[in-house]
C-alpha atoms as a PDB file:
ATOM      1  CA  MET A   1      25.064-152.753 -76.180  1.00  0.00           C
ATOM      2  CA  ASN A   2      25.443-151.898 -79.723  1.00  0.00           C
ATOM      3  CA  ALA A   3      22.289-150.346 -80.754  1.00  0.00           C
ATOM      4  CA  ASN A   4      23.458-149.368 -84.347  1.00  0.00           C
ATOM      5  CA  THR A   5      22.605-152.571 -86.537  1.00  0.00           C
ATOM      6  CA  ASN A   6      23.924-150.580 -89.583  1.00  0.00           C
ATOM      7  CA  ILE A   7      27.413-151.634 -88.959  1.00  0.00           C
ATOM      8  CA  PHE A   8      29.367-155.030 -88.892  1.00  0.00           C
ATOM      9  CA  GLY A   9      32.944-156.002 -88.464  1.00  0.00           C
ATOM     10  CA  ARG A  10      35.076-158.220 -90.590  1.00  0.00           C
ATOM     11  CA  PHE A  11      38.521-159.695 -89.728  1.00  0.00           C
ATOM     12  CA  ASP A  12      41.500-158.329 -91.639  1.00  0.00           C
ATOM     13  CA  GLU A  13      44.843-159.971 -92.235  1.00  0.00           C
ATOM     14  CA  ASP A  14      46.256-158.675 -89.108  1.00  0.00           C
ATOM     15  CA  GLY A  15      43.463-160.252 -86.870  1.00  0.00           C
ATOM     16  CA  THR A  16      41.619-157.017 -86.049  1.00  0.00           C
ATOM     17  CA  ILE A  17      38.157-155.856 -87.124  1.00  0.00           C
ATOM     18  CA  MET A  18      37.304-153.409 -89.760  1.00  0.00           C
ATOM     19  CA  LEU A  19      34.111-151.792 -89.355  1.00  0.00           C
ATOM     20  CA  LEU A  20      31.620-151.615 -92.509  1.00  0.00           C
ATOM     21  CA  HIS A  21      28.362-150.247 -93.447  1.00  0.00           C
ATOM     22  CA  VAL A  22      25.652-152.879 -93.863  1.00  0.00           C
ATOM     23  CA  GLU A  23      24.100-151.111 -96.599  1.00  0.00           C
ATOM     24  CA  ASP A  24      27.104-150.722 -98.899  1.00  0.00           C
ATOM     25  CA  GLY A  25      30.138-152.305 -97.246  1.00  0.00           C
ATOM     26  CA  HIS A  26      32.055-148.963 -97.182  1.00  0.00           C
ATOM     27  CA  ALA A  27      34.285-148.257 -94.217  1.00  0.00           C
ATOM     28  CA  VAL A  28      32.852-146.699 -90.966  1.00  0.00           C
ATOM     29  CA  THR A  29      34.449-143.438 -90.420  1.00  0.00           C
ATOM     30  CA  ARG A  30      32.992-142.324 -87.179  1.00  0.00           C
ATOM     31  CA  LEU A  31      31.347-144.355 -84.215  1.00  0.00           C
ATOM     32  CA  ASP A  32      29.556-142.720 -81.548  1.00  0.00           C
ATOM     33  CA  ALA A  33      31.167-145.312 -78.939  1.00  0.00           C
ATOM     34  CA  ASP A  34      33.952-145.185 -76.134  1.00  0.00           C
ATOM     35  CA  CYS A  35      36.552-146.962 -78.261  1.00  0.00           C
ATOM     36  CA  TYR A  36      39.947-146.136 -79.783  1.00  0.00           C
ATOM     37  CA  PRO A  37      40.797-147.721 -83.172  1.00  0.00           C
ATOM     38  CA  VAL A  38      43.893-149.768 -83.342  1.00  0.00           C
ATOM     39  CA  GLY A  39      47.090-147.311 -83.538  1.00  0.00           C
ATOM     40  CA  SER A  40      45.206-144.143 -83.078  1.00  0.00           C
ATOM     41  CA  ASN A  41      44.953-141.793 -80.095  1.00  0.00           C
ATOM     42  CA  LEU A  42      41.701-140.415 -81.379  1.00  0.00           C
ATOM     43  CA  SER A  43      38.530-141.941 -80.322  1.00  0.00           C
ATOM     44  CA  THR A  44      36.008-143.448 -82.785  1.00  0.00           C
ATOM     45  CA  ARG A  45      33.765-140.289 -82.063  1.00  0.00           C
ATOM     46  CA  TRP A  46      36.287-138.356 -84.280  1.00  0.00           C
ATOM     47  CA  GLU A  47      36.430-138.964 -87.956  1.00  0.00           C
ATOM     48  CA  HIS A  48      38.986-141.562 -89.455  1.00  0.00           C
ATOM     49  CA  PRO A  49      38.876-141.078 -93.057  1.00  0.00           C
ATOM     50  CA  GLU A  50      40.676-144.241 -93.676  1.00  0.00           C
ATOM     51  CA  GLY A  51      38.269-146.263 -91.770  1.00  0.00           C
ATOM     52  CA  ILE A  52      37.988-147.496 -88.178  1.00  0.00           C
ATOM     53  CA  ILE A  53      39.865-150.766 -87.360  1.00  0.00           C
ATOM     54  CA  ILE A  54      39.191-152.093 -83.810  1.00  0.00           C
ATOM     55  CA  THR A  55      40.509-155.333 -81.685  1.00  0.00           C
ATOM     56  CA  PRO A  56      38.138-158.274 -81.488  1.00  0.00           C
ATOM     57  CA  GLU A  57      37.864-157.463 -77.888  1.00  0.00           C
ATOM     58  CA  ASP A  58      36.589-154.058 -78.355  1.00  0.00           C
ATOM     59  CA  ALA A  59      34.097-155.352 -81.158  1.00  0.00           C
ATOM     60  CA  ALA A  60      32.673-157.918 -78.585  1.00  0.00           C
ATOM     61  CA  ARG A  61      32.376-155.184 -75.949  1.00  0.00           C
ATOM     62  CA  LEU A  62      30.762-152.894 -78.124  1.00  0.00           C
ATOM     63  CA  GLY A  63      28.349-155.880 -79.519  1.00  0.00           C
ATOM     64  CA  ILE A  64      29.239-155.475 -83.252  1.00  0.00           C
ATOM     65  CA  ALA A  65      28.308-158.290 -85.262  1.00  0.00           C
ATOM     66  CA  ILE A  66      31.383-160.056 -87.035  1.00  0.00           C
ATOM     67  CA  GLU A  67      30.965-161.506 -90.382  1.00  0.00           C
ATOM     68  CA  SER A  68      31.646-165.219 -90.318  1.00  0.00           C
ATOM     69  CA  ASP A  69      33.412-167.119 -93.118  1.00  0.00           C
END
């Protein structure tokens, strides 16, 4: 489902997924998808200056590639 191959996910210490840009590894702050970051009541379509963190289930649903160890 994810046509945007410019992003990937990385597990954080809480077991959630940080979204990062492939080009430079910087945090993704906005994503055109029907999803809510962990702990936020604003969807990913809004700007999240601290970066977007989602659940592994949302990452799978959106088809986001997860970095493996």
